[in-house]
C-alpha atoms as a PDB file:
ATOM      1  CA  UNK A   1     106.356  47.606 108.465  1.00  0.00           C
ATOM      2  CA  UNK A   2     105.155  48.515 105.012  1.00  0.00           C
ATOM      3  CA  UNK A   3     107.955  50.806 104.464  1.00  0.00           C
ATOM      4  CA  UNK A   4     110.198  48.089 105.265  1.00  0.00           C
ATOM      5  CA  UNK A   5     108.501  45.473 102.876  1.00  0.00           C
ATOM      6  CA  UNK A   6     108.882  48.142 100.190  1.00  0.00           C
ATOM      7  CA  UNK A   7     112.550  48.809 100.782  1.00  0.00           C
ATOM      8  CA  UNK A   8     112.899  45.124 100.945  1.00  0.00           C
ATOM      9  CA  UNK A   9     111.212  44.508  97.500  1.00  0.00           C
ATOM     10  CA  UNK A  10     112.993  47.291  95.850  1.00  0.00           C
ATOM     11  CA  UNK A  11     116.562  45.833  96.990  1.00  0.00           C
ATOM     12  CA  UNK A  12     115.316  42.429  95.646  1.00  0.00           C
ATOM     13  CA  UNK A  13     114.364  44.006  92.274  1.00  0.00           C
ATOM     14  CA  UNK A  14     117.524  45.856  92.036  1.00  0.00           C
ATOM     15  CA  UNK A  15     119.636  42.605  93.119  1.00  0.00           C
ATOM     16  CA  UNK A  16     117.870  40.748  90.387  1.00  0.00           C
ATOM     17  CA  UNK A  17     118.328  43.482  87.519  1.00  0.00           C
ATOM     18  CA  UNK A  18     122.109  43.308  88.513  1.00  0.00           C
ATOM     19  CA  UNK A  19     122.278  39.703  88.189  1.00  0.00           C
ATOM     20  CA  UNK A  20     120.533  39.732  84.876  1.00  0.00           C
ATOM     21  CA  UNK A  21     122.706  42.411  83.596  1.00  0.00           C
ATOM     22  CA  UNK A  22     125.977  40.536  84.695  1.00  0.00           C
ATOM     23  CA  UNK A  23     124.437  37.192  83.140  1.00  0.00           C
ATOM     24  CA  UNK A  24     123.551  38.934  79.952  1.00  0.00           C
ATOM     25  CA  UNK A  25     127.138  40.773  79.690  1.00  0.00           C
ATOM     26  CA  UNK A  26     128.669  37.357  80.444  1.00  0.00           C
ATOM     27  CA  UNK A  27     126.405  35.617  77.688  1.00  0.00           C
ATOM     28  CA  UNK A  28     127.266  38.373  75.329  1.00  0.00           C
ATOM     29  CA  UNK A  29     131.163  38.234  75.996  1.00  0.00           C
ATOM     30  CA  UNK A  30     130.859  34.446  75.483  1.00  0.00           C
ATOM     31  CA  UNK A  31     128.959  34.927  72.180  1.00  0.00           C
ATOM     32  CA  UNK A  32     131.557  37.510  71.039  1.00  0.00           C
ATOM     33  CA  UNK A  33     134.256  35.034  71.916  1.00  0.00           C
ATOM     34  CA  UNK A  34     132.682  32.046  70.176  1.00  0.00           C
ATOM     35  CA  UNK A  35     132.732  34.180  66.788  1.00  0.00           C
ATOM     36  CA  UNK A  36     135.233  33.185  64.047  1.00  0.00           C
ATOM     37  CA  UNK A  37     135.655  36.848  63.181  1.00  0.00           C
ATOM     38  CA  UNK A  38     134.930  39.384  66.147  1.00  0.00           C
ATOM     39  CA  UNK A  39     132.760  41.453  63.863  1.00  0.00           C
ATOM     40  CA  UNK A  40     130.795  38.873  62.246  1.00  0.00           C
ATOM     41  CA  UNK A  41     127.897  36.977  64.258  1.00  0.00           C
ATOM     42  CA  UNK A  42     127.716  33.320  64.386  1.00  0.00           C
ATOM     43  CA  UNK A  43     125.046  30.837  64.356  1.00  0.00           C
ATOM     44  CA  UNK A  44     127.432  28.080  66.414  1.00  0.00           C
ATOM     45  CA  UNK A  45     126.314  27.192  69.411  1.00  0.00           C
ATOM     46  CA  UNK A  46     128.284  28.547  72.636  1.00  0.00           C
ATOM     47  CA  UNK A  47     129.077  24.932  73.566  1.00  0.00           C
ATOM     48  CA  UNK A  48     131.274  24.799  71.042  1.00  0.00           C
ATOM     49  CA  UNK A  49     133.662  26.726  72.979  1.00  0.00           C
ATOM     50  CA  UNK A  50     134.543  23.540  75.109  1.00  0.00           C
ATOM     51  CA  UNK A  51     132.905  20.820  73.241  1.00  0.00           C
ATOM     52  CA  UNK A  52     135.091  18.002  72.022  1.00  0.00           C
ATOM     53  CA  UNK A  53     132.735  17.041  69.030  1.00  0.00           C
ATOM     54  CA  UNK A  54     134.220  17.593  65.608  1.00  0.00           C
ATOM     55  CA  UNK A  55     132.220  20.218  64.627  1.00  0.00           C
ATOM     56  CA  UNK A  56     133.111  22.198  67.467  1.00  0.00           C
ATOM     57  CA  UNK A  57     137.008  21.328  67.177  1.00  0.00           C
ATOM     58  CA  UNK A  58     136.823  22.373  63.641  1.00  0.00           C
ATOM     59  CA  UNK A  59     135.120  25.552  64.589  1.00  0.00           C
ATOM     60  CA  UNK A  60     137.844  26.518  67.385  1.00  0.00           C
ATOM     61  CA  UNK A  61     140.271  25.802  64.581  1.00  0.00           C
ATOM     62  CA  UNK A  62     138.865  28.246  62.264  1.00  0.00           C
ATOM     63  CA  UNK A  63     138.690  30.792  64.994  1.00  0.00           C
ATOM     64  CA  UNK A  64     142.598  30.425  65.618  1.00  0.00           C
ATOM     65  CA  UNK A  65     142.905  30.542  61.795  1.00  0.00           C
ATOM     66  CA  UNK A  66     141.185  33.806  61.549  1.00  0.00           C
ATOM     67  CA  UNK A  67     143.162  35.219  64.739  1.00  0.00           C
ATOM     68  CA  UNK A  68     146.245  34.401  63.196  1.00  0.00           C
ATOM     69  CA  UNK A  69     145.168  36.106  59.691  1.00  0.00           C
ATOM     70  CA  UNK A  70     144.454  39.244  61.267  1.00  0.00           C
ATOM     71  CA  UNK A  71     147.701  39.508  63.124  1.00  0.00           C
ATOM     72  CA  UNK A  72     149.101  39.649  59.740  1.00  0.00           C
ATOM     73  CA  UNK A  73     148.798  43.513  59.210  1.00  0.00           C
ATOM     74  CA  UNK A  74     152.157  44.642  58.121  1.00  0.00           C
ATOM     75  CA  UNK A  75     153.292  46.159  54.780  1.00  0.00           C
ATOM     76  CA  UNK A  76     154.738  43.002  53.855  1.00  0.00           C
ATOM     77  CA  UNK A  77     151.464  41.410  53.731  1.00  0.00           C
ATOM     78  CA  UNK A  78     148.987  41.099  50.848  1.00  0.00           C
ATOM     79  CA  UNK A  79     146.019  41.942  52.827  1.00  0.00           C
ATOM     80  CA  UNK A  80     143.703  41.446  49.911  1.00  0.00           C
ATOM     81  CA  UNK A  81     144.756  38.048  49.919  1.00  0.00           C
ATOM     82  CA  UNK A  82     144.552  37.900  53.583  1.00  0.00           C
ATOM     83  CA  UNK A  83     140.880  39.358  53.510  1.00  0.00           C
ATOM     84  CA  UNK A  84     139.964  36.631  51.302  1.00  0.00           C
ATOM     85  CA  UNK A  85     141.039  33.831  53.372  1.00  0.00           C
ATOM     86  CA  UNK A  86     139.216  35.476  56.386  1.00  0.00           C
ATOM     87  CA  UNK A  87     136.191  35.317  54.347  1.00  0.00           C
ATOM     88  CA  UNK A  88     136.280  31.722  53.312  1.00  0.00           C
ATOM     89  CA  UNK A  89     137.125  30.884  57.197  1.00  0.00           C
ATOM     90  CA  UNK A  90     133.633  32.497  57.908  1.00  0.00           C
ATOM     91  CA  UNK A  91     131.850  30.743  55.069  1.00  0.00           C
ATOM     92  CA  UNK A  92     133.260  27.135  56.510  1.00  0.00           C
ATOM     93  CA  UNK A  93     132.163  28.073  59.622  1.00  0.00           C
ATOM     94  CA  UNK A  94     128.443  28.595  58.282  1.00  0.00           C
ATOM     95  CA  UNK A  95     128.800  25.197  56.592  1.00  0.00           C
ATOM     96  CA  UNK A  96     129.969  23.597  59.796  1.00  0.00           C
ATOM     97  CA  UNK A  97     126.625  24.762  61.615  1.00  0.00           C
ATOM     98  CA  UNK A  98     124.577  23.214  58.771  1.00  0.00           C
ATOM     99  CA  UNK A  99     126.747  19.893  58.817  1.00  0.00           C
ATOM    100  CA  UNK A 100     126.110  19.754  62.585  1.00  0.00           C
ATOM    101  CA  UNK A 101     122.494  19.824  62.233  1.00  0.00           C
ATOM    102  CA  UNK A 102     122.111  17.224  59.479  1.00  0.00           C
ATOM    103  CA  UNK A 103     121.052  13.578  60.121  1.00  0.00           C
ATOM    104  CA  UNK A 104     123.634  11.512  61.481  1.00  0.00           C
ATOM    105  CA  UNK A 105     123.873   9.204  58.210  1.00  0.00           C
ATOM    106  CA  UNK A 106     124.837  12.307  56.227  1.00  0.00           C
ATOM    107  CA  UNK A 107     126.910  14.203  58.885  1.00  0.00           C
ATOM    108  CA  UNK A 108     130.361  12.134  58.559  1.00  0.00           C
ATOM    109  CA  UNK A 109     130.838  12.584  54.636  1.00  0.00           C
ATOM    110  CA  UNK A 110     129.741  16.411  54.645  1.00  0.00           C
ATOM    111  CA  UNK A 111     132.010  16.866  57.614  1.00  0.00           C
ATOM    112  CA  UNK A 112     134.936  15.416  56.110  1.00  0.00           C
ATOM    113  CA  UNK A 113     134.597  17.772  52.931  1.00  0.00           C
ATOM    114  CA  UNK A 114     134.515  20.802  55.477  1.00  0.00           C
ATOM    115  CA  UNK A 115     137.468  19.514  57.238  1.00  0.00           C
ATOM    116  CA  UNK A 116     139.387  18.949  53.962  1.00  0.00           C
ATOM    117  CA  UNK A 117     138.551  22.578  53.154  1.00  0.00           C
ATOM    118  CA  UNK A 118     139.618  23.810  56.336  1.00  0.00           C
ATOM    119  CA  UNK A 119     142.895  21.772  56.101  1.00  0.00           C
ATOM    120  CA  UNK A 120     143.468  23.701  52.804  1.00  0.00           C
ATOM    121  CA  UNK A 121     142.868  27.037  54.337  1.00  0.00           C
ATOM    122  CA  UNK A 122     145.191  26.313  56.951  1.00  0.00           C
ATOM    123  CA  UNK A 123     147.974  25.338  54.606  1.00  0.00           C
ATOM    124  CA  UNK A 124     147.236  28.760  52.672  1.00  0.00           C
ATOM    125  CA  UNK A 125     147.407  30.505  55.705  1.00  0.00           C
ATOM    126  CA  UNK A 126     150.901  29.108  56.430  1.00  0.00           C
ATOM    127  CA  UNK A 127     152.117  30.059  53.096  1.00  0.00           C
ATOM    128  CA  UNK A 128     151.129  33.556  53.377  1.00  0.00           C
ATOM    129  CA  UNK A 129     152.352  33.817  56.828  1.00  0.00           C
ATOM    130  CA  UNK A 130     155.899  32.432  55.565  1.00  0.00           C
ATOM    131  CA  UNK A 131     155.669  34.736  52.245  1.00  0.00           C
ATOM    132  CA  UNK A 132     155.050  37.757  54.740  1.00  0.00           C
ATOM    133  CA  UNK A 133     157.822  36.749  56.701  1.00  0.00           C
ATOM    134  CA  UNK A 134     160.583  36.356  53.828  1.00  0.00           C
ATOM    135  CA  UNK A 135     159.530  39.714  52.696  1.00  0.00           C
ATOM    136  CA  UNK A 136     160.356  41.363  55.813  1.00  0.00           C
ATOM    137  CA  UNK A 137     163.891  42.997  55.576  1.00  0.00           C
ATOM    138  CA  UNK A 138     166.594  41.376  57.641  1.00  0.00           C
ATOM    139  CA  UNK A 139     167.335  43.551  60.718  1.00  0.00           C
ATOM    140  CA  UNK A 140     170.749  44.645  61.054  1.00  0.00           C
ATOM    141  CA  UNK A 141     172.322  44.436  64.396  1.00  0.00           C
ATOM    142  CA  UNK A 142     173.534  47.761  65.903  1.00  0.00           C
ATOM    143  CA  UNK A 143     177.307  48.123  65.999  1.00  0.00           C
ATOM    144  CA  UNK A 144     179.035  49.338  69.132  1.00  0.00           C
ATOM    145  CA  UNK A 145     179.930  52.835  69.656  1.00  0.00           C
ATOM    146  CA  UNK A 146     183.518  52.513  69.407  1.00  0.00           C
ATOM    147  CA  UNK A 147     183.252  50.697  65.982  1.00  0.00           C
ATOM    148  CA  UNK A 148     181.055  53.527  64.784  1.00  0.00           C
ATOM    149  CA  UNK A 149     183.297  56.246  65.502  1.00  0.00           C
ATOM    150  CA  UNK A 150     186.513  53.930  64.276  1.00  0.00           C
ATOM    151  CA  UNK A 151     184.520  53.718  61.161  1.00  0.00           C
ATOM    152  CA  UNK A 152     183.772  57.568  60.762  1.00  0.00           C
ATOM    153  CA  UNK A 153     187.385  58.473  61.608  1.00  0.00           C
ATOM    154  CA  UNK A 154     188.403  56.195  58.919  1.00  0.00           C
ATOM    155  CA  UNK A 155     186.194  57.727  56.492  1.00  0.00           C
ATOM    156  CA  UNK A 156     187.426  61.422  57.366  1.00  0.00           C
ATOM    157  CA  UNK A 157     191.140  60.071  57.004  1.00  0.00           C
ATOM    158  CA  UNK A 158     190.416  58.708  53.353  1.00  0.00           C
ATOM    159  CA  UNK A 159     188.457  62.226  52.562  1.00  0.00           C
ATOM    160  CA  UNK A 160     191.507  64.388  53.868  1.00  0.00           C
ATOM    161  CA  UNK A 161     194.061  62.061  51.900  1.00  0.00           C
ATOM    162  CA  UNK A 162     192.258  62.565  48.742  1.00  0.00           C
ATOM    163  CA  UNK A 163     192.404  66.382  49.158  1.00  0.00           C
ATOM    164  CA  UNK A 164     195.735  65.948  50.095  1.00  0.00           C
ATOM    165  CA  UNK A 165     196.515  64.120  46.821  1.00  0.00           C
ATOM    166  CA  UNK A 166     194.527  66.508  44.885  1.00  0.00           C
ATOM    167  CA  UNK A 167     196.461  69.468  46.216  1.00  0.00           C
ATOM    168  CA  UNK A 168     199.831  67.969  45.447  1.00  0.00           C
ATOM    169  CA  UNK A 169     198.714  67.067  41.901  1.00  0.00           C
ATOM    170  CA  UNK A 170     197.482  70.635  41.384  1.00  0.00           C
ATOM    171  CA  UNK A 171     201.012  71.922  42.596  1.00  0.00           C
ATOM    172  CA  UNK A 172     202.927  69.687  40.321  1.00  0.00           C
ATOM    173  CA  UNK A 173     200.869  70.890  37.485  1.00  0.00           C
ATOM    174  CA  UNK A 174     201.466  74.695  38.366  1.00  0.00           C
ATOM    175  CA  UNK A 175     205.316  73.998  38.808  1.00  0.00           C
ATOM    176  CA  UNK A 176     205.664  72.181  35.563  1.00  0.00           C
ATOM    177  CA  UNK A 177     203.785  75.010  33.877  1.00  0.00           C
ATOM    178  CA  UNK A 178     206.159  77.615  35.386  1.00  0.00           C
ATOM    179  CA  UNK A 179     209.198  75.556  34.339  1.00  0.00           C
ATOM    180  CA  UNK A 180     208.104  75.351  30.934  1.00  0.00           C
ATOM    181  CA  UNK A 181     207.622  79.418  30.834  1.00  0.00           C
ATOM    182  CA  UNK A 182     211.205  79.993  32.174  1.00  0.00           C
ATOM    183  CA  UNK A 183     212.671  77.428  29.323  1.00  0.00           C
ATOM    184  CA  UNK A 184     210.668  79.110  26.742  1.00  0.00           C
ATOM    185  CA  UNK A 185     211.909  82.645  27.951  1.00  0.00           C
ATOM    186  CA  UNK A 186     215.540  81.492  28.488  1.00  0.00           C
ATOM    187  CA  UNK A 187     215.314  79.959  24.685  1.00  0.00           C
ATOM    188  CA  UNK A 188     213.990  83.207  23.293  1.00  0.00           C
ATOM    189  CA  UNK A 189     216.685  85.537  24.730  1.00  0.00           C
ATOM    190  CA  UNK A 190     219.607  83.047  23.659  1.00  0.00           C
ATOM    191  CA  UNK A 191     218.601  83.292  19.846  1.00  0.00           C
ATOM    192  CA  UNK A 192     218.167  86.966  20.064  1.00  0.00           C
ATOM    193  CA  UNK A 193     221.585  87.564  21.358  1.00  0.00           C
ATOM    194  CA  UNK A 194     223.463  85.262  19.010  1.00  0.00           C
ATOM    195  CA  UNK A 195     222.519  87.112  15.661  1.00  0.00           C
ATOM    196  CA  UNK A 196     224.240  90.411  16.488  1.00  0.00           C
ATOM    197  CA  UNK A 197     227.543  88.669  17.692  1.00  0.00           C
ATOM    198  CA  UNK A 198     227.716  86.591  14.442  1.00  0.00           C
ATOM    199  CA  UNK A 199     228.074  89.802  12.221  1.00  0.00           C
ATOM    200  CA  UNK A 200     231.208  91.013  13.719  1.00  0.00           C
ATOM    201  CA  UNK A 201     232.706  87.748  13.078  1.00  0.00           C
ATOM    202  CA  UNK A 202     231.643  87.472   9.589  1.00  0.00           C
ATOM    203  CA  UNK A 203     233.300  91.094   9.135  1.00  0.00           C
ATOM    204  CA  UNK A 204     236.477  89.885  10.999  1.00  0.00           C
ATOM    205  CA  UNK A 205     236.793  86.909   8.478  1.00  0.00           C
ATOM    206  CA  UNK A 206     236.086  89.083   5.562  1.00  0.00           C
ATOM    207  CA  UNK A 207     238.665  91.517   6.373  1.00  0.00           C
ATOM    208  CA  UNK A 208     241.245  89.065   6.797  1.00  0.00           C
ATOM    209  CA  UNK A 209     242.410  88.219   3.152  1.00  0.00           C
ATOM    210  CA  UNK A 210     242.349  91.944   2.429  1.00  0.00           C
ATOM    211  CA  UNK A 211     244.951  92.489   4.980  1.00  0.00           C
ATOM    212  CA  UNK A 212     246.894  89.868   3.626  1.00  0.00           C
ATOM    213  CA  UNK A 213     246.712  91.087   0.065  1.00  0.00           C
ATOM    214  CA  UNK A 214     247.763  94.641   1.351  1.00  0.00           C
ATOM    215  CA  UNK A 215     250.770  93.014   3.040  1.00  0.00           C
ATOM    216  CA  UNK A 216     251.854  91.416  -0.262  1.00  0.00           C
ATOM    217  CA  UNK A 217     251.531  94.713  -2.087  1.00  0.00           C
ATOM    218  CA  UNK A 218     253.458  96.369   0.516  1.00  0.00           C
ATOM    219  CA  UNK A 219     256.596  93.874   0.226  1.00  0.00           C
ATOM    220  CA  UNK A 220     256.839  93.923  -3.413  1.00  0.00           C
END
């Protein structure tokens, strides 16, 4: 009987410990979820997770803004500006806690000031996100395989045509050079052969009067 009671007592203790651990884990998860920044503890009450009060709504709005800002981690985002906006959101959340604890007669004016600052923070966050979106390169739609192959073949055709044109131009230059050499060689040989032929002609022309004079003397 005593052993049974001891066993039941131990089972009760273990059950209570397990329940306590579960409650503590759930409380810790809710407290972490209630943070504006996951790494920065907050003094905001857990009821702000669902409360319809104005400070609670502003608190949840700051949480959404920080989540939005932390998602901007691509190279097109100015991370220094993003981190400054996150820091201001954490500071505004602390101000909300202070405002929520103020006397009711001072609370509306202070809450209006904090809400105005949250509005401005929201506007700056939207501007930063738009700037990052505009800085991103426009994705180029992938071309079908047939279009890519046709374009590559056209480029190859143009390259071969350029080589063929260069070869034709080189052949034309070589042919012109060869023709010029032939003309020069032909012209040189023509001048050389005309000189010896002119000498006998001159001699022949010079001897004609002499022959006529000799004929005259013979007749006389």
